Amino acid sequence: MNGQPLGAIRAAGRLAPIDRCMLEQLGAALVDEWSELPQALRRTIYQRAFGSVTTREPPGTRRRVARLLRARGAGDPARQA
């Protein structure tokens, strides 16, 4: 990832396979622990991930993420934001 901001690398679609794998593992761990995180931290993470429109975000992504996190017992992240 070469010290570049991850959002810029992700938006440009330049993630190496190992970086993509690492982010998948970290993302899965974050989802597993989501309901244990303080609400302020959950809000910050959600806003950082979905606070701005990206051209690479498939339609319905935010809705799917909200459903996934609700299933983990954390409420609706969009409403917490």
N, C-alpha and C. Protein backbone atom coordinates (compact mmCIF):
# COMPACT_ATOMS: atom_id res chain seq x y z
N MET A 1 0.82 -1.20 0.00
CA MET A 1 0.00 0.00 0.00
C MET A 1 0.86 1.25 0.00
N ASN A 2 2.11 1.11 0.19
CA ASN A 2 3.09 2.18 -0.04
C ASN A 2 2.85 3.48 0.73
N GLY A 3 2.23 3.45 1.87
CA GLY A 3 2.05 4.65 2.67
C GLY A 3 1.01 5.62 2.14
N GLN A 4 0.34 5.28 1.04
CA GLN A 4 -0.71 6.15 0.51
C GLN A 4 -1.98 5.96 1.32
N PRO A 5 -2.83 6.99 1.39
CA PRO A 5 -4.10 6.81 2.09
C PRO A 5 -4.89 5.68 1.43
N LEU A 6 -5.40 4.79 2.25
CA LEU A 6 -6.09 3.61 1.75
C LEU A 6 -7.29 3.98 0.89
N GLY A 7 -8.04 5.00 1.27
CA GLY A 7 -9.20 5.40 0.48
C GLY A 7 -8.83 5.75 -0.95
N ALA A 8 -7.72 6.44 -1.13
CA ALA A 8 -7.28 6.82 -2.48
C ALA A 8 -6.87 5.59 -3.27
N ILE A 9 -6.19 4.68 -2.62
CA ILE A 9 -5.76 3.45 -3.31
C ILE A 9 -6.98 2.62 -3.70
N ARG A 10 -7.92 2.48 -2.76
CA ARG A 10 -9.12 1.70 -3.03
C ARG A 10 -9.93 2.33 -4.15
N ALA A 11 -10.09 3.64 -4.12
CA ALA A 11 -10.87 4.34 -5.15
C ALA A 11 -10.25 4.17 -6.52
N ALA A 12 -8.94 4.10 -6.57
CA ALA A 12 -8.25 3.94 -7.85
C ALA A 12 -8.21 2.49 -8.30
N GLY A 13 -8.67 1.57 -7.44
CA GLY A 13 -8.70 0.16 -7.81
C GLY A 13 -7.32 -0.46 -7.89
N ARG A 14 -6.37 0.03 -7.09
CA ARG A 14 -4.99 -0.45 -7.20
C ARG A 14 -4.57 -1.31 -6.02
N LEU A 15 -5.45 -2.10 -5.48
CA LEU A 15 -5.07 -2.96 -4.36
C LEU A 15 -4.43 -4.24 -4.89
N ALA A 16 -3.28 -4.56 -4.37
CA ALA A 16 -2.64 -5.82 -4.70
C ALA A 16 -3.46 -6.95 -4.07
N PRO A 17 -3.42 -8.15 -4.62
CA PRO A 17 -4.19 -9.26 -4.06
C PRO A 17 -3.93 -9.48 -2.57
N ILE A 18 -2.69 -9.38 -2.13
CA ILE A 18 -2.39 -9.58 -0.70
C ILE A 18 -3.02 -8.49 0.15
N ASP A 19 -3.05 -7.25 -0.36
CA ASP A 19 -3.69 -6.16 0.37
C ASP A 19 -5.20 -6.37 0.44
N ARG A 20 -5.79 -6.83 -0.65
CA ARG A 20 -7.23 -7.11 -0.66
C ARG A 20 -7.56 -8.20 0.35
N CYS A 21 -6.74 -9.25 0.40
CA CYS A 21 -6.93 -10.34 1.35
C CYS A 21 -6.83 -9.83 2.79
N MET A 22 -5.83 -8.99 3.05
CA MET A 22 -5.64 -8.44 4.38
C MET A 22 -6.87 -7.61 4.79
N LEU A 23 -7.36 -6.78 3.88
CA LEU A 23 -8.53 -5.96 4.19
C LEU A 23 -9.78 -6.80 4.41
N GLU A 24 -9.92 -7.89 3.66
CA GLU A 24 -11.05 -8.78 3.87
C GLU A 24 -11.00 -9.39 5.27
N GLN A 25 -9.82 -9.81 5.70
CA GLN A 25 -9.66 -10.39 7.03
C GLN A 25 -9.96 -9.35 8.12
N LEU A 26 -9.41 -8.16 7.96
CA LEU A 26 -9.66 -7.09 8.94
C LEU A 26 -11.13 -6.71 8.96
N GLY A 27 -11.73 -6.64 7.79
CA GLY A 27 -13.16 -6.30 7.71
C GLY A 27 -14.02 -7.34 8.40
N ALA A 28 -13.72 -8.60 8.19
CA ALA A 28 -14.48 -9.67 8.84
C ALA A 28 -14.34 -9.58 10.36
N ALA A 29 -13.14 -9.33 10.83
CA ALA A 29 -12.92 -9.20 12.27
C ALA A 29 -13.68 -8.00 12.83
N LEU A 30 -13.69 -6.90 12.08
CA LEU A 30 -14.41 -5.70 12.53
C LEU A 30 -15.91 -5.97 12.63
N VAL A 31 -16.46 -6.64 11.63
CA VAL A 31 -17.89 -6.96 11.66
C VAL A 31 -18.20 -7.87 12.85
N ASP A 32 -17.33 -8.84 13.11
CA ASP A 32 -17.54 -9.74 14.25
C ASP A 32 -17.58 -8.99 15.58
N GLU A 33 -16.82 -7.91 15.69
CA GLU A 33 -16.73 -7.16 16.95
C GLU A 33 -17.58 -5.89 16.96
N TRP A 34 -18.31 -5.63 15.88
CA TRP A 34 -19.02 -4.36 15.69
C TRP A 34 -19.88 -3.97 16.88
N SER A 35 -20.68 -4.90 17.37
CA SER A 35 -21.61 -4.54 18.45
C SER A 35 -20.89 -4.26 19.77
N GLU A 36 -19.64 -4.67 19.88
CA GLU A 36 -18.87 -4.42 21.10
C GLU A 36 -18.16 -3.06 21.07
N LEU A 37 -18.09 -2.44 19.91
CA LEU A 37 -17.41 -1.15 19.79
C LEU A 37 -18.29 -0.03 20.34
N PRO A 38 -17.68 0.99 20.91
CA PRO A 38 -18.46 2.15 21.35
C PRO A 38 -19.19 2.79 20.16
N GLN A 39 -20.36 3.30 20.41
CA GLN A 39 -21.17 3.87 19.33
C GLN A 39 -20.42 4.97 18.57
N ALA A 40 -19.69 5.81 19.27
CA ALA A 40 -18.95 6.89 18.60
C ALA A 40 -17.93 6.32 17.61
N LEU A 41 -17.28 5.24 17.98
CA LEU A 41 -16.30 4.62 17.09
C LEU A 41 -17.00 3.96 15.90
N ARG A 42 -18.14 3.30 16.15
CA ARG A 42 -18.90 2.71 15.04
C ARG A 42 -19.32 3.80 14.05
N ARG A 43 -19.79 4.92 14.58
CA ARG A 43 -20.22 6.04 13.72
C ARG A 43 -19.05 6.53 12.87
N THR A 44 -17.89 6.70 13.50
CA THR A 44 -16.71 7.19 12.79
C THR A 44 -16.30 6.23 11.68
N ILE A 45 -16.28 4.94 12.00
CA ILE A 45 -15.88 3.94 11.00
C ILE A 45 -16.86 3.93 9.84
N TYR A 46 -18.15 3.93 10.14
CA TYR A 46 -19.16 3.90 9.09
C TYR A 46 -19.06 5.14 8.20
N GLN A 47 -18.91 6.31 8.82
CA GLN A 47 -18.79 7.55 8.05
C GLN A 47 -17.53 7.53 7.19
N ARG A 48 -16.46 7.01 7.71
CA ARG A 48 -15.21 6.94 6.95
C ARG A 48 -15.37 6.03 5.75
N ALA A 49 -16.11 4.95 5.94
CA ALA A 49 -16.30 3.99 4.85
C ALA A 49 -17.34 4.46 3.83
N PHE A 50 -18.40 5.12 4.30
CA PHE A 50 -19.52 5.43 3.40
C PHE A 50 -19.96 6.87 3.44
N GLY A 51 -19.21 7.75 4.07
CA GLY A 51 -19.61 9.13 4.21
C GLY A 51 -19.55 9.94 2.93
N SER A 52 -18.74 9.50 1.99
CA SER A 52 -18.66 10.22 0.73
C SER A 52 -19.01 9.26 -0.40
N VAL A 53 -19.53 9.81 -1.44
CA VAL A 53 -19.92 9.00 -2.59
C VAL A 53 -18.66 8.60 -3.35
N THR A 54 -18.56 7.32 -3.64
CA THR A 54 -17.46 6.85 -4.46
C THR A 54 -18.02 6.27 -5.74
N THR A 55 -17.30 6.40 -6.81
CA THR A 55 -17.79 5.90 -8.08
C THR A 55 -17.70 4.38 -8.15
N ARG A 56 -16.91 3.77 -7.30
CA ARG A 56 -16.72 2.32 -7.34
C ARG A 56 -17.68 1.58 -6.40
N GLU A 57 -18.52 2.28 -5.71
CA GLU A 57 -19.45 1.64 -4.78
C GLU A 57 -20.67 1.12 -5.54
N PRO A 58 -20.85 -0.19 -5.57
CA PRO A 58 -22.01 -0.74 -6.29
C PRO A 58 -23.32 -0.28 -5.66
N PRO A 59 -24.37 -0.13 -6.45
CA PRO A 59 -25.67 0.28 -5.91
C PRO A 59 -26.12 -0.68 -4.82
N GLY A 60 -26.68 -0.14 -3.77
CA GLY A 60 -27.21 -0.94 -2.68
C GLY A 60 -26.19 -1.35 -1.63
N THR A 61 -24.94 -0.93 -1.78
CA THR A 61 -23.90 -1.34 -0.84
C THR A 61 -24.20 -0.89 0.57
N ARG A 62 -24.56 0.36 0.75
CA ARG A 62 -24.82 0.88 2.10
C ARG A 62 -25.97 0.13 2.76
N ARG A 63 -27.01 -0.16 1.98
CA ARG A 63 -28.16 -0.89 2.50
C ARG A 63 -27.74 -2.31 2.95
N ARG A 64 -26.91 -2.96 2.14
CA ARG A 64 -26.45 -4.30 2.48
C ARG A 64 -25.56 -4.29 3.72
N VAL A 65 -24.70 -3.30 3.84
CA VAL A 65 -23.85 -3.18 5.03
C VAL A 65 -24.70 -2.96 6.26
N ALA A 66 -25.69 -2.08 6.16
CA ALA A 66 -26.57 -1.80 7.29
C ALA A 66 -27.29 -3.08 7.73
N ARG A 67 -27.78 -3.87 6.77
CA ARG A 67 -28.44 -5.14 7.12
C ARG A 67 -27.48 -6.10 7.81
N LEU A 68 -26.26 -6.19 7.29
CA LEU A 68 -25.25 -7.08 7.88
C LEU A 68 -24.96 -6.68 9.32
N LEU A 69 -24.77 -5.40 9.56
CA LEU A 69 -24.45 -4.94 10.91
C LEU A 69 -25.65 -5.07 11.85
N ARG A 70 -26.85 -4.83 11.34
CA ARG A 70 -28.05 -5.02 12.17
C ARG A 70 -28.16 -6.49 12.59
N ALA A 71 -27.82 -7.39 11.69
CA ALA A 71 -27.87 -8.83 12.00
C ALA A 71 -26.89 -9.17 13.11
N ARG A 72 -25.86 -8.35 13.28
CA ARG A 72 -24.87 -8.55 14.34
C ARG A 72 -25.30 -7.87 15.64
N GLY A 73 -26.52 -7.34 15.67
CA GLY A 73 -27.04 -6.76 16.91
C GLY A 73 -26.58 -5.37 17.20
N ALA A 74 -26.19 -4.61 16.20
CA ALA A 74 -25.63 -3.28 16.45
C ALA A 74 -26.56 -2.16 16.05
N GLY A 75 -27.77 -2.45 15.63
CA GLY A 75 -28.65 -1.39 15.17
C GLY A 75 -28.26 -0.93 13.78
N ASP A 76 -28.91 0.10 13.32
CA ASP A 76 -28.69 0.62 11.98
C ASP A 76 -27.55 1.63 12.00
N PRO A 77 -26.41 1.34 11.35
CA PRO A 77 -25.28 2.26 11.39
C PRO A 77 -25.58 3.59 10.73
N ALA A 78 -26.45 3.61 9.75
CA ALA A 78 -26.78 4.87 9.07
C ALA A 78 -27.51 5.81 10.03
N ARG A 79 -28.31 5.27 10.91
CA ARG A 79 -29.03 6.10 11.88
C ARG A 79 -28.13 6.57 13.00
N GLN A 80 -27.06 5.83 13.26
CA GLN A 80 -26.12 6.22 14.30
C GLN A 80 -25.20 7.31 13.80
N ALA A 81 -25.06 7.41 12.50
CA ALA A 81 -24.12 8.36 11.89
C ALA A 81 -24.64 9.77 11.97
